Amino acid sequence: MYRHHVHCRAHQERVNAMLEEAQCPVQPSGLRSAFSQWPSAGLSSSDKELYVQRLSKAIQLDTVSYDDMYETDPTQAPEDGGDPRWLVHERFNKWKEQEWPLVYTHMQVEYITKYSTILTLPGRDPTLPPVLLMSHQDTVPVQEATVDEWDQPPFSGIVTAPDARGRHWIYGRGALDCKSLLVSELNALERVIRERLERGEDVRGERTVVMSVGFDEEVMGIKGAGNNSLVLQERYGQDSFAFIIDEGSTGIESEYGLKVASLGLSEKGSLGAKIEVDVPGGHASKPPRHTGVIGILSLLIAALEAHPNPHTLHSSSLYLRYLTCLAQHAPDMPSDLRKRILDPAQWPALADSLAESDELRAHIGTTMAANVARAGAKTNALPEHSEAIVDSRVGWDDTVADVQARYAVVMKEKLVDGVEGRGRIHVDLSWPSAGREHAPITPSEGPVWELMAGVVRHVWGENVVVAPKGMIAGTDTNYMKPLSKNIFRFRAVPMDEGENVHTVNERVTDQALFGITQYVYELLVNLEGWRE
């Protein structure tokens, strides 16, 4: 009996420890700095018009990144064989200099790799760790076949008449990803500098503020943010920044009657697998059972899809911690779901249930997608070679090596079981790059978290719960990991105020734009007197 009681007590202690680790973070009160001059009645009509027109113009200045630009050197002039498509960033950078004269007059300006920017407002106290604002100015392309599907031309920056809620929508590629953040960060810096000048103060704050703007985030970001990071590491050293903010994939949502702001505390890793199949060719009138390389390649991809990567929920899972915030604060969450979230014994079954949704599965495990396939040149000739690229986003419970080993096992089994005549068939599984592990997880407690969450709750209301979440896509923060343990990826936009990232009718409201600007502004003014 005694042993039974000891066992039960130990079990309960383990359960309590898991629940404690999965707790929703403490919600600080909204932070409004004594230095804040953000008008409580809202922005003036002139500021509103200025901010909207700036975003509209930023959209009109087309800064598309195409995949094949990754292989080119942006510093090489077209007359010397360089890619002329990079030149749009020269025009865009000149426009920024003209549009934000206070920023470009009072901050130190450096162009790295010709087009990426580092802006620095030195602090009065060099012993205080600096902070880093990030954004990027390039966008994904617009598919020509979809142009007619847009309600407004994709590079028009059209501002609509007010809707039933009085909101003006700004249309165009980059409206959400990520020119609204870029414009808002510059607006906020300009506002802080202008207010200090008007008060007759030193434009410098207590601590240094740095802004890094990339120009190739949509094609890996290595030339922009990658090189900016090398400069900042050389200048400030490793783990030198108090915190870093950048774009995110989730913002402010309504879930079960709760407004929740999701801060991305980490992002998934990535791995590209290349599968190549070579077989003898021939005339299409005498095809093999698996139609040569195309049939075999299809079998291999189907085999990978039939053996998905495992999905999990445990006490340190970012998505479980997000769900715990909902379970603890959302008034309309069904009681049975609430019980499942708060019961560790139910977590495996809950993970299985979530995995039935494509969107939710991405938050709880490694995903894979075959995105590129090439084979064949003529309808009556059997191709000798085919290849496919499989993109995997490496989850928080996996490593790159785990995923590589898993795929190799599946491929080997399929070759043995499903494809005959291996002597005349060559299949190669390779990794074009080393892959990238998931990012470290930013702490959700302490002064930095309290600052971030406090500012969010000041801007969007004390009824907002700030929750941890993982970023399932990649950002330029990948290159900044050596600079800080506190990296926040946040789309500071209510989900009904911005729509259609990377697709038709990308758009954002004027109210969302003002909210992003206020968020960055309040962060900056709250730095005065703040200590991490």
Protein backbone atom coordinates (compact mmCIF):
# COMPACT_ATOMS: atom_id res chain seq x y z
CA MET A 1 0.00 0.00 0.00
CA TYR A 2 2.82 2.36 0.91
CA ARG A 3 4.57 1.71 -2.42
CA HIS A 4 1.28 2.36 -4.22
CA HIS A 5 0.91 5.75 -2.52
CA VAL A 6 4.50 6.66 -3.36
CA HIS A 7 3.94 5.68 -6.98
CA CYS A 8 0.73 7.73 -7.20
CA ARG A 9 2.39 10.73 -5.60
CA ALA A 10 5.35 10.53 -7.98
CA HIS A 11 2.99 10.24 -10.94
CA GLN A 12 1.02 13.28 -9.80
CA GLU A 13 4.22 15.24 -9.33
CA ARG A 14 5.23 14.43 -12.91
CA VAL A 15 1.81 15.51 -14.17
CA ASN A 16 2.00 18.74 -12.17
CA ALA A 17 5.48 19.45 -13.54
CA MET A 18 4.26 18.96 -17.11
CA LEU A 19 1.27 21.23 -16.54
CA GLU A 20 3.51 23.86 -14.97
CA GLU A 21 5.84 23.82 -17.98
CA ALA A 22 2.88 24.09 -20.38
CA GLN A 23 1.36 27.06 -18.52
CA CYS A 24 0.34 30.17 -20.41
CA PRO A 25 2.86 32.94 -19.65
CA VAL A 26 2.09 35.68 -17.14
CA GLN A 27 0.13 38.51 -18.75
CA PRO A 28 1.63 41.90 -17.78
CA SER A 29 -0.42 45.07 -17.67
CA GLY A 30 -0.38 47.27 -20.75
CA LEU A 31 2.73 49.46 -20.89
CA ARG A 32 2.37 53.13 -21.78
CA SER A 33 5.62 55.01 -21.32
CA ALA A 34 5.72 58.47 -19.76
CA PHE A 35 7.60 59.45 -22.91
CA SER A 36 4.78 58.34 -25.23
CA GLN A 37 3.11 61.12 -27.18
CA TRP A 38 0.92 58.82 -29.25
CA PRO A 39 -2.43 60.64 -29.35
CA SER A 40 -5.06 58.85 -27.27
CA ALA A 41 -7.73 60.07 -29.70
CA GLY A 42 -5.86 58.54 -32.64
CA LEU A 43 -3.57 59.89 -35.31
CA SER A 44 -4.22 63.20 -37.01
CA SER A 45 -5.81 63.05 -40.44
CA SER A 46 -2.58 64.32 -41.99
CA ASP A 47 -0.51 61.55 -40.37
CA LYS A 48 -3.05 58.95 -41.43
CA GLU A 49 -2.95 60.12 -45.02
CA LEU A 50 0.85 60.27 -44.99
CA TYR A 51 1.27 56.74 -43.63
CA VAL A 52 -1.25 55.27 -46.09
CA GLN A 53 0.30 57.01 -49.08
CA ARG A 54 3.76 55.79 -48.06
CA LEU A 55 2.62 52.17 -48.05
CA SER A 56 0.77 52.70 -51.33
CA LYS A 57 3.93 54.07 -52.94
CA ALA A 58 6.06 51.26 -51.50
CA ILE A 59 3.75 48.74 -53.19
CA GLN A 60 3.86 50.63 -56.49
CA LEU A 61 7.66 50.35 -56.48
CA ASP A 62 7.85 46.72 -57.62
CA THR A 63 10.66 44.89 -55.77
CA VAL A 64 10.01 41.28 -56.75
CA SER A 65 12.54 38.55 -56.02
CA TYR A 66 12.59 35.66 -58.50
CA ASP A 67 14.07 32.30 -57.55
CA ASP A 68 16.78 32.40 -60.20
CA MET A 69 18.09 35.69 -58.79
CA TYR A 70 19.52 33.67 -55.90
CA GLU A 71 22.36 32.55 -58.16
CA THR A 72 23.31 36.09 -59.24
CA ASP A 73 25.48 38.78 -57.69
CA PRO A 74 23.51 41.96 -56.87
CA THR A 75 26.70 44.01 -56.69
CA GLN A 76 27.57 43.27 -60.32
CA ALA A 77 26.43 45.95 -62.78
CA PRO A 78 24.30 44.84 -65.76
CA GLU A 79 26.94 46.07 -68.20
CA ASP A 80 29.36 43.65 -66.51
CA GLY A 81 26.97 40.73 -66.79
CA GLY A 82 24.93 41.37 -63.62
CA ASP A 83 21.21 40.80 -63.32
CA PRO A 84 19.36 44.08 -64.04
CA ARG A 85 16.39 42.99 -61.93
CA TRP A 86 18.31 43.94 -58.78
CA LEU A 87 18.31 47.60 -59.85
CA VAL A 88 14.76 48.13 -58.54
CA HIS A 89 16.26 48.24 -55.05
CA GLU A 90 18.42 51.23 -55.96
CA ARG A 91 15.28 53.16 -56.85
CA PHE A 92 13.47 51.89 -53.75
CA ASN A 93 16.33 52.92 -51.44
CA LYS A 94 16.46 56.41 -52.96
CA TRP A 95 12.72 56.75 -52.42
CA LYS A 96 13.12 55.79 -48.73
CA GLU A 97 15.81 58.43 -48.27
CA GLN A 98 13.47 61.08 -49.67
CA GLU A 99 10.36 59.87 -47.81
CA TRP A 100 11.89 59.68 -44.31
CA PRO A 101 14.40 62.57 -44.24
CA LEU A 102 14.62 62.73 -40.43
CA VAL A 103 15.54 59.05 -40.25
CA TYR A 104 18.15 59.31 -42.97
CA THR A 105 19.58 62.55 -41.53
CA HIS A 106 19.86 61.56 -37.87
CA MET A 107 20.60 57.84 -38.16
CA GLN A 108 23.82 56.35 -39.47
CA VAL A 109 23.08 54.75 -42.85
CA GLU A 110 25.05 51.87 -44.35
CA TYR A 111 24.34 49.94 -47.53
CA ILE A 112 25.64 46.38 -47.28
CA THR A 113 25.92 44.19 -50.40
CA LYS A 114 24.84 47.36 -52.26
CA TYR A 115 21.12 47.25 -51.38
CA SER A 116 20.54 45.91 -47.87
CA THR A 117 20.45 48.60 -45.20
CA ILE A 118 21.68 49.02 -41.65
CA LEU A 119 20.32 52.13 -39.93
CA THR A 120 21.74 53.00 -36.50
CA LEU A 121 20.58 55.53 -33.92
CA PRO A 122 23.40 55.42 -31.36
CA GLY A 123 22.39 55.40 -27.70
CA ARG A 124 23.61 57.77 -25.03
CA ASP A 125 24.69 54.83 -22.86
CA PRO A 126 26.93 52.43 -24.82
CA THR A 127 26.87 49.93 -21.94
CA LEU A 128 23.20 49.10 -22.61
CA PRO A 129 22.60 46.30 -25.14
CA PRO A 130 21.09 47.61 -28.39
CA VAL A 131 17.80 46.47 -29.92
CA LEU A 132 17.24 45.39 -33.51
CA LEU A 133 14.24 46.07 -35.75
CA MET A 134 14.04 43.93 -38.89
CA SER A 135 12.06 43.89 -42.12
CA HIS A 136 12.60 43.25 -45.82
CA GLN A 137 11.65 45.19 -48.92
CA ASP A 138 11.43 42.46 -51.56
CA THR A 139 8.26 40.52 -52.39
CA VAL A 140 7.27 37.30 -54.10
CA PRO A 141 6.16 37.53 -57.75
CA VAL A 142 2.59 37.70 -59.04
CA GLN A 143 1.77 34.85 -61.40
CA GLU A 144 0.82 36.28 -64.77
CA ALA A 145 -2.14 33.91 -65.06
CA THR A 146 -3.67 35.32 -61.86
CA VAL A 147 -3.46 39.05 -62.59
CA ASP A 148 -7.07 39.20 -63.80
CA GLU A 149 -8.23 37.60 -60.55
CA TRP A 150 -7.13 40.61 -58.49
CA ASP A 151 -9.81 43.10 -57.46
CA GLN A 152 -7.18 45.82 -57.93
CA PRO A 153 -3.98 45.65 -60.00
CA PRO A 154 -1.29 43.91 -57.92
CA PHE A 155 1.25 46.74 -58.03
CA SER A 156 -1.19 49.65 -57.98
CA GLY A 157 -1.22 50.29 -54.23
CA ILE A 158 -4.87 51.23 -54.65
CA VAL A 159 -6.53 52.60 -51.50
CA THR A 160 -10.23 51.76 -51.45
CA ALA A 161 -13.15 53.83 -50.24
CA PRO A 162 -14.11 53.07 -46.62
CA ASP A 163 -15.93 49.80 -46.01
CA ALA A 164 -18.87 49.30 -43.64
CA ARG A 165 -16.46 49.52 -40.68
CA GLY A 166 -14.81 52.68 -41.96
CA ARG A 167 -11.61 50.91 -43.01
CA HIS A 168 -9.65 51.72 -46.14
CA TRP A 169 -7.94 48.70 -47.73
CA ILE A 170 -4.51 49.07 -49.38
CA TYR A 171 -4.07 46.49 -52.15
CA GLY A 172 -0.95 45.01 -53.67
CA ARG A 173 1.92 42.60 -53.51
CA GLY A 174 3.86 43.24 -50.33
CA ALA A 175 1.00 44.94 -48.50
CA LEU A 176 1.35 42.35 -45.73
CA ASP A 177 4.67 40.68 -46.56
CA CYS A 178 6.30 42.81 -45.58
CA LYS A 179 6.18 46.43 -46.72
CA SER A 180 3.62 47.38 -44.08
CA LEU A 181 6.15 46.44 -41.38
CA LEU A 182 9.00 48.19 -43.20
CA VAL A 183 7.00 51.41 -43.62
CA SER A 184 5.75 51.24 -40.01
CA GLU A 185 9.23 50.82 -38.54
CA LEU A 186 10.44 53.86 -40.47
CA ASN A 187 7.31 55.81 -39.47
CA ALA A 188 7.90 54.98 -35.80
CA LEU A 189 11.58 55.95 -35.90
CA GLU A 190 10.70 59.20 -37.66
CA ARG A 191 8.03 59.99 -35.06
CA VAL A 192 10.39 59.37 -32.14
CA ILE A 193 13.13 61.53 -33.69
CA ARG A 194 10.68 64.35 -34.54
CA GLU A 195 9.22 64.41 -31.02
CA ARG A 196 12.67 64.59 -29.43
CA LEU A 197 13.64 67.44 -31.73
CA GLU A 198 10.42 69.30 -30.92
CA ARG A 199 11.12 68.90 -27.19
CA GLY A 200 14.65 70.21 -27.70
CA GLU A 201 16.16 66.89 -26.62
CA ASP A 202 19.00 64.78 -27.90
CA VAL A 203 17.54 62.60 -30.68
CA ARG A 204 19.40 59.66 -29.18
CA GLY A 205 17.66 57.43 -26.68
CA GLU A 206 19.36 55.69 -23.79
CA ARG A 207 20.24 52.63 -25.83
CA THR A 208 21.25 52.10 -29.44
CA VAL A 209 18.51 51.20 -31.91
CA VAL A 210 19.48 49.36 -35.10
CA MET A 211 17.25 48.63 -38.10
CA SER A 212 18.19 45.95 -40.62
CA VAL A 213 16.39 45.89 -43.97
CA GLY A 214 16.93 42.94 -46.29
CA PHE A 215 16.29 42.87 -50.02
CA ASP A 216 16.28 39.14 -50.85
CA GLU A 217 14.34 37.48 -48.02
CA GLU A 218 12.06 35.73 -50.50
CA VAL A 219 15.09 34.02 -52.09
CA MET A 220 16.86 32.82 -48.93
CA GLY A 221 18.00 36.22 -47.62
CA ILE A 222 21.67 35.38 -47.48
CA LYS A 223 22.84 38.41 -49.48
CA GLY A 224 20.76 40.87 -47.48
CA ALA A 225 20.12 39.86 -43.87
CA GLY A 226 22.89 37.27 -44.06
CA ASN A 227 25.55 39.88 -44.76
CA ASN A 228 23.94 42.42 -42.43
CA SER A 229 24.26 39.87 -39.64
CA LEU A 230 27.97 39.40 -40.30
CA VAL A 231 28.49 43.16 -40.00
CA LEU A 232 26.49 43.34 -36.76
CA GLN A 233 28.27 40.34 -35.24
CA GLU A 234 31.63 41.90 -36.02
CA ARG A 235 30.55 45.25 -34.59
CA TYR A 236 28.64 44.20 -31.45
CA GLY A 237 29.59 40.58 -30.82
CA GLN A 238 27.55 37.46 -30.15
CA ASP A 239 24.45 37.64 -27.95
CA SER A 240 24.84 41.40 -27.87
CA PHE A 241 21.26 42.59 -28.55
CA ALA A 242 18.58 42.85 -25.87
CA PHE A 243 15.97 41.69 -28.37
CA ILE A 244 15.12 41.45 -32.06
CA ILE A 245 11.72 41.91 -33.72
CA ASP A 246 10.75 40.84 -37.24
CA GLU A 247 7.78 39.73 -39.29
CA GLY A 248 5.72 36.71 -38.25
CA SER A 249 3.14 34.39 -39.76
CA THR A 250 0.46 34.92 -37.12
CA GLY A 251 -0.87 38.05 -35.51
CA ILE A 252 -3.94 38.92 -33.46
CA GLU A 253 -6.74 36.38 -33.74
CA SER A 254 -10.13 35.72 -32.20
CA GLU A 255 -10.38 32.18 -30.84
CA TYR A 256 -13.33 30.91 -28.80
CA GLY A 257 -14.28 34.42 -27.74
CA LEU A 258 -10.70 35.42 -26.88
CA LYS A 259 -8.42 37.94 -28.58
CA VAL A 260 -5.00 36.33 -28.66
CA ALA A 261 -1.74 37.79 -29.96
CA SER A 262 0.71 35.07 -31.00
CA LEU A 263 4.40 35.88 -30.71
CA GLY A 264 6.65 33.58 -32.72
CA LEU A 265 9.33 32.47 -30.27
CA SER A 266 11.09 30.17 -32.73
CA GLU A 267 10.86 29.05 -36.33
CA LYS A 268 11.09 25.66 -37.96
CA GLY A 269 14.19 24.44 -39.71
CA SER A 270 14.30 23.45 -43.35
CA LEU A 271 15.73 20.73 -45.54
CA GLY A 272 15.62 20.19 -49.27
CA ALA A 273 15.86 16.63 -50.62
CA LYS A 274 16.63 15.94 -54.26
CA ILE A 275 15.45 12.63 -55.71
CA GLU A 276 16.87 11.62 -59.10
CA VAL A 277 15.90 8.57 -61.16
CA ASP A 278 17.80 7.33 -64.22
CA VAL A 279 16.67 4.45 -66.46
CA PRO A 280 17.20 3.42 -70.09
CA GLY A 281 14.96 5.36 -72.46
CA GLY A 282 13.16 4.18 -75.55
CA HIS A 283 10.05 4.62 -77.66
CA ALA A 284 6.79 5.43 -75.88
CA SER A 285 5.06 2.59 -77.73
CA LYS A 286 6.88 0.06 -75.50
CA PRO A 287 6.65 1.51 -71.97
CA PRO A 288 7.67 -0.37 -68.82
CA ARG A 289 5.17 -1.07 -66.07
CA HIS A 290 6.07 2.07 -64.14
CA THR A 291 6.51 4.36 -67.18
CA GLY A 292 10.21 4.69 -66.59
CA VAL A 293 11.58 7.55 -64.55
CA ILE A 294 8.27 9.39 -64.12
CA GLY A 295 6.43 6.37 -62.75
CA ILE A 296 9.28 5.40 -60.43
CA LEU A 297 9.70 8.98 -59.21
CA SER A 298 5.96 9.15 -58.52
CA LEU A 299 6.15 5.91 -56.52
CA LEU A 300 8.98 7.28 -54.41
CA ILE A 301 7.20 10.57 -53.67
CA ALA A 302 3.98 8.71 -52.86
CA ALA A 303 5.95 6.47 -50.49
CA LEU A 304 7.28 9.51 -48.61
CA GLU A 305 3.75 10.92 -48.37
CA ALA A 306 2.49 7.56 -47.09
CA HIS A 307 5.05 7.68 -44.26
CA PRO A 308 4.56 11.15 -42.77
CA ASN A 309 6.89 12.49 -40.13
CA PRO A 310 5.66 11.96 -36.56
CA HIS A 311 3.65 14.65 -34.78
CA THR A 312 3.81 15.29 -31.04
CA LEU A 313 2.52 17.46 -28.21
CA HIS A 314 4.37 17.67 -24.93
CA SER A 315 4.84 20.16 -22.13
CA SER A 316 7.47 22.24 -23.94
CA SER A 317 5.67 22.26 -27.31
CA LEU A 318 5.07 25.83 -28.40
CA TYR A 319 1.74 24.92 -29.93
CA LEU A 320 0.58 23.20 -26.74
CA ARG A 321 1.51 26.33 -24.79
CA TYR A 322 -0.57 28.36 -27.24
CA LEU A 323 -3.48 25.96 -26.74
CA THR A 324 -3.02 26.19 -22.97
CA CYS A 325 -3.46 29.98 -23.19
CA LEU A 326 -6.75 29.36 -24.97
CA ALA A 327 -7.82 26.73 -22.45
CA GLN A 328 -7.04 29.01 -19.52
CA HIS A 329 -8.53 32.22 -20.91
CA ALA A 330 -10.99 31.59 -23.80
CA PRO A 331 -14.57 31.79 -22.48
CA ASP A 332 -16.19 29.92 -25.37
CA MET A 333 -13.85 26.95 -25.68
CA PRO A 334 -15.82 23.67 -25.53
CA SER A 335 -15.35 22.03 -22.15
CA ASP A 336 -14.25 18.69 -23.62
CA LEU A 337 -11.48 20.37 -25.64
CA ARG A 338 -10.40 22.36 -22.60
CA LYS A 339 -10.10 19.15 -20.58
CA ARG A 340 -8.04 17.45 -23.29
CA ILE A 341 -5.59 20.36 -23.44
CA LEU A 342 -5.15 20.44 -19.67
CA ASP A 343 -4.73 16.66 -19.26
CA PRO A 344 -1.25 15.32 -20.20
CA ALA A 345 -2.70 11.83 -20.68
CA GLN A 346 -4.81 13.21 -23.52
CA TRP A 347 -1.98 14.95 -25.37
CA PRO A 348 -1.08 12.06 -27.75
CA ALA A 349 -4.70 11.66 -28.87
CA LEU A 350 -5.04 15.43 -29.17
CA ALA A 351 -1.97 15.51 -31.41
CA ASP A 352 -3.50 12.83 -33.63
CA SER A 353 -6.69 14.86 -33.88
CA LEU A 354 -4.84 18.07 -34.75
CA ALA A 355 -2.77 16.24 -37.38
CA GLU A 356 -5.92 15.60 -39.40
CA SER A 357 -5.84 19.29 -40.35
CA ASP A 358 -3.13 20.26 -42.85
CA GLU A 359 -2.74 23.67 -41.24
CA LEU A 360 -2.55 22.45 -37.66
CA ARG A 361 -0.30 19.49 -38.48
CA ALA A 362 2.33 22.00 -39.58
CA HIS A 363 2.53 23.28 -35.98
CA ILE A 364 3.21 19.91 -34.35
CA GLY A 365 5.68 18.11 -36.60
CA THR A 366 7.96 18.10 -39.61
CA THR A 367 6.18 18.54 -42.93
CA MET A 368 7.18 17.60 -46.46
CA ALA A 369 6.03 18.84 -49.85
CA ALA A 370 7.19 17.79 -53.32
CA ASN A 371 7.28 21.20 -54.99
CA VAL A 372 9.41 20.76 -58.12
CA ALA A 373 9.53 17.89 -60.64
CA ARG A 374 11.29 17.66 -63.99
CA ALA A 375 11.22 14.90 -66.61
CA GLY A 376 10.67 14.30 -70.28
CA ALA A 377 11.14 16.33 -73.43
CA LYS A 378 8.80 14.70 -75.99
CA THR A 379 5.47 12.88 -75.97
CA ASN A 380 6.68 9.77 -77.83
CA ALA A 381 10.03 9.32 -76.06
CA LEU A 382 10.55 7.68 -72.69
CA PRO A 383 12.70 10.02 -70.57
CA GLU A 384 15.95 8.70 -69.19
CA HIS A 385 16.14 11.12 -66.25
CA SER A 386 13.70 12.64 -63.77
CA GLU A 387 14.17 14.60 -60.59
CA ALA A 388 12.10 16.15 -57.84
CA ILE A 389 12.79 18.54 -55.00
CA VAL A 390 11.07 17.74 -51.71
CA ASP A 391 10.92 20.60 -49.22
CA SER A 392 10.72 19.72 -45.53
CA ARG A 393 10.12 22.12 -42.65
CA VAL A 394 11.90 20.58 -39.68
CA GLY A 395 9.82 20.64 -36.49
CA TRP A 396 10.89 21.29 -32.92
CA ASP A 397 11.11 17.60 -32.02
CA ASP A 398 13.25 16.69 -35.03
CA THR A 399 16.74 17.38 -36.29
CA VAL A 400 17.89 17.59 -39.89
CA ALA A 401 19.69 14.26 -39.41
CA ASP A 402 16.47 12.64 -38.12
CA VAL A 403 14.59 13.65 -41.25
CA GLN A 404 17.39 12.59 -43.59
CA ALA A 405 17.56 9.15 -41.98
CA ARG A 406 13.78 8.73 -42.11
CA TYR A 407 13.63 9.56 -45.81
CA ALA A 408 16.54 7.26 -46.63
CA VAL A 409 14.77 4.32 -44.94
CA VAL A 410 11.54 4.94 -46.85
CA MET A 411 13.38 5.23 -50.16
CA LYS A 412 15.36 2.05 -49.57
CA GLU A 413 12.25 0.07 -48.63
CA LYS A 414 10.38 1.31 -51.68
CA LEU A 415 13.20 0.40 -54.02
CA VAL A 416 13.20 -3.14 -52.63
CA ASP A 417 9.44 -3.62 -52.53
CA GLY A 418 8.07 -1.56 -55.38
CA VAL A 419 10.60 -1.24 -58.17
CA GLU A 420 11.97 -4.24 -60.02
CA GLY A 421 15.16 -4.57 -61.99
CA ARG A 422 17.35 -2.40 -59.80
CA GLY A 423 20.37 -3.28 -61.92
CA ARG A 424 19.16 -1.01 -64.74
CA ILE A 425 17.70 1.68 -62.52
CA HIS A 426 19.69 4.27 -60.65
CA VAL A 427 18.05 6.28 -57.87
CA ASP A 428 19.91 8.98 -55.99
CA LEU A 429 18.77 10.78 -52.84
CA SER A 430 20.85 13.86 -52.12
CA TRP A 431 20.75 17.03 -50.05
CA PRO A 432 21.58 20.14 -52.12
CA SER A 433 22.32 22.04 -48.91
CA ALA A 434 23.13 21.11 -45.34
CA GLY A 435 19.68 22.10 -44.14
CA ARG A 436 18.84 24.32 -41.20
CA GLU A 437 17.87 23.27 -37.69
CA HIS A 438 14.94 24.95 -35.97
CA ALA A 439 15.73 28.17 -34.15
CA PRO A 440 16.29 28.29 -30.38
CA ILE A 441 13.15 29.09 -28.39
CA THR A 442 12.92 32.61 -26.97
CA PRO A 443 12.04 32.70 -23.25
CA SER A 444 8.45 33.66 -22.40
CA GLU A 445 9.24 35.11 -19.01
CA GLY A 446 11.41 37.89 -17.67
CA PRO A 447 11.83 41.59 -18.54
CA VAL A 448 11.99 41.22 -22.33
CA TRP A 449 8.81 39.15 -22.51
CA GLU A 450 7.09 41.56 -20.12
CA LEU A 451 8.08 44.50 -22.33
CA MET A 452 6.86 42.86 -25.52
CA ALA A 453 3.61 41.54 -24.06
CA GLY A 454 2.98 44.77 -22.15
CA VAL A 455 3.29 46.88 -25.30
CA VAL A 456 1.01 44.51 -27.24
CA ARG A 457 -1.64 44.74 -24.51
CA HIS A 458 -1.35 48.52 -24.40
CA VAL A 459 -1.81 48.89 -28.16
CA TRP A 460 -4.55 46.28 -28.73
CA GLY A 461 -6.18 46.19 -25.31
CA GLU A 462 -5.92 44.56 -21.89
CA ASN A 463 -8.38 41.91 -23.07
CA VAL A 464 -5.71 40.51 -25.41
CA VAL A 465 -3.84 37.42 -24.19
CA VAL A 466 -0.26 37.22 -25.49
CA ALA A 467 0.64 33.62 -26.28
CA PRO A 468 3.79 31.80 -27.44
CA LYS A 469 3.73 30.12 -30.81
CA GLY A 470 6.16 28.65 -33.31
CA MET A 471 6.71 30.13 -36.76
CA ILE A 472 6.17 27.46 -39.40
CA ALA A 473 7.74 29.49 -42.23
CA GLY A 474 11.19 31.04 -42.33
CA THR A 475 12.31 34.62 -41.80
CA ASP A 476 15.51 36.63 -42.03
CA THR A 477 15.90 36.16 -38.27
CA ASN A 478 17.59 32.86 -39.17
CA TYR A 479 20.77 34.87 -39.79
CA MET A 480 20.43 36.93 -36.62
CA LYS A 481 20.31 34.00 -34.18
CA PRO A 482 23.88 34.60 -32.94
CA LEU A 483 22.96 38.16 -31.93
CA SER A 484 20.27 37.55 -29.29
CA LYS A 485 18.42 34.94 -27.25
CA ASN A 486 15.26 37.06 -27.53
CA ILE A 487 13.85 37.01 -31.06
CA PHE A 488 10.17 37.77 -31.65
CA ARG A 489 8.41 37.10 -34.95
CA PHE A 490 5.07 38.90 -34.96
CA ARG A 491 2.66 40.07 -37.63
CA ALA A 492 1.23 42.94 -35.62
CA VAL A 493 -2.08 42.86 -37.50
CA PRO A 494 -5.54 41.60 -36.47
CA MET A 495 -6.30 38.66 -38.74
CA ASP A 496 -9.38 40.37 -40.20
CA GLU A 497 -7.32 43.47 -41.06
CA GLY A 498 -4.85 41.78 -43.42
CA GLU A 499 -5.36 39.04 -45.97
CA ASN A 500 -3.86 36.85 -48.69
CA VAL A 501 -0.12 36.80 -48.15
CA HIS A 502 1.68 35.52 -51.28
CA THR A 503 -1.55 35.15 -53.25
CA VAL A 504 -4.31 37.00 -55.10
CA ASN A 505 -5.67 40.18 -53.47
CA GLU A 506 -2.97 40.66 -50.86
CA ARG A 507 -4.21 43.62 -48.84
CA VAL A 508 -4.13 45.35 -45.46
CA THR A 509 -6.30 48.01 -43.82
CA ASP A 510 -5.22 51.49 -42.88
CA GLN A 511 -6.13 50.70 -39.25
CA ALA A 512 -3.73 47.75 -39.29
CA LEU A 513 -0.97 49.99 -40.64
CA PHE A 514 -1.53 52.50 -37.84
CA GLY A 515 -1.48 49.67 -35.29
CA ILE A 516 1.88 48.35 -36.51
CA THR A 517 3.35 51.85 -36.38
CA GLN A 518 2.07 52.39 -32.84
CA TYR A 519 3.41 49.00 -31.74
CA VAL A 520 6.94 49.82 -32.91
CA TYR A 521 6.71 53.39 -31.60
CA GLU A 522 5.59 52.26 -28.12
CA LEU A 523 8.40 49.71 -28.01
CA LEU A 524 10.92 52.44 -28.77
CA VAL A 525 9.68 54.95 -26.20
CA ASN A 526 9.37 52.23 -23.54
CA LEU A 527 13.10 51.59 -23.88
CA GLU A 528 13.76 54.75 -21.87
CA GLY A 529 14.46 53.60 -18.33
CA TRP A 530 13.84 49.93 -19.19
CA ARG A 531 16.41 47.35 -18.11
CA GLU A 532 16.62 43.74 -19.15
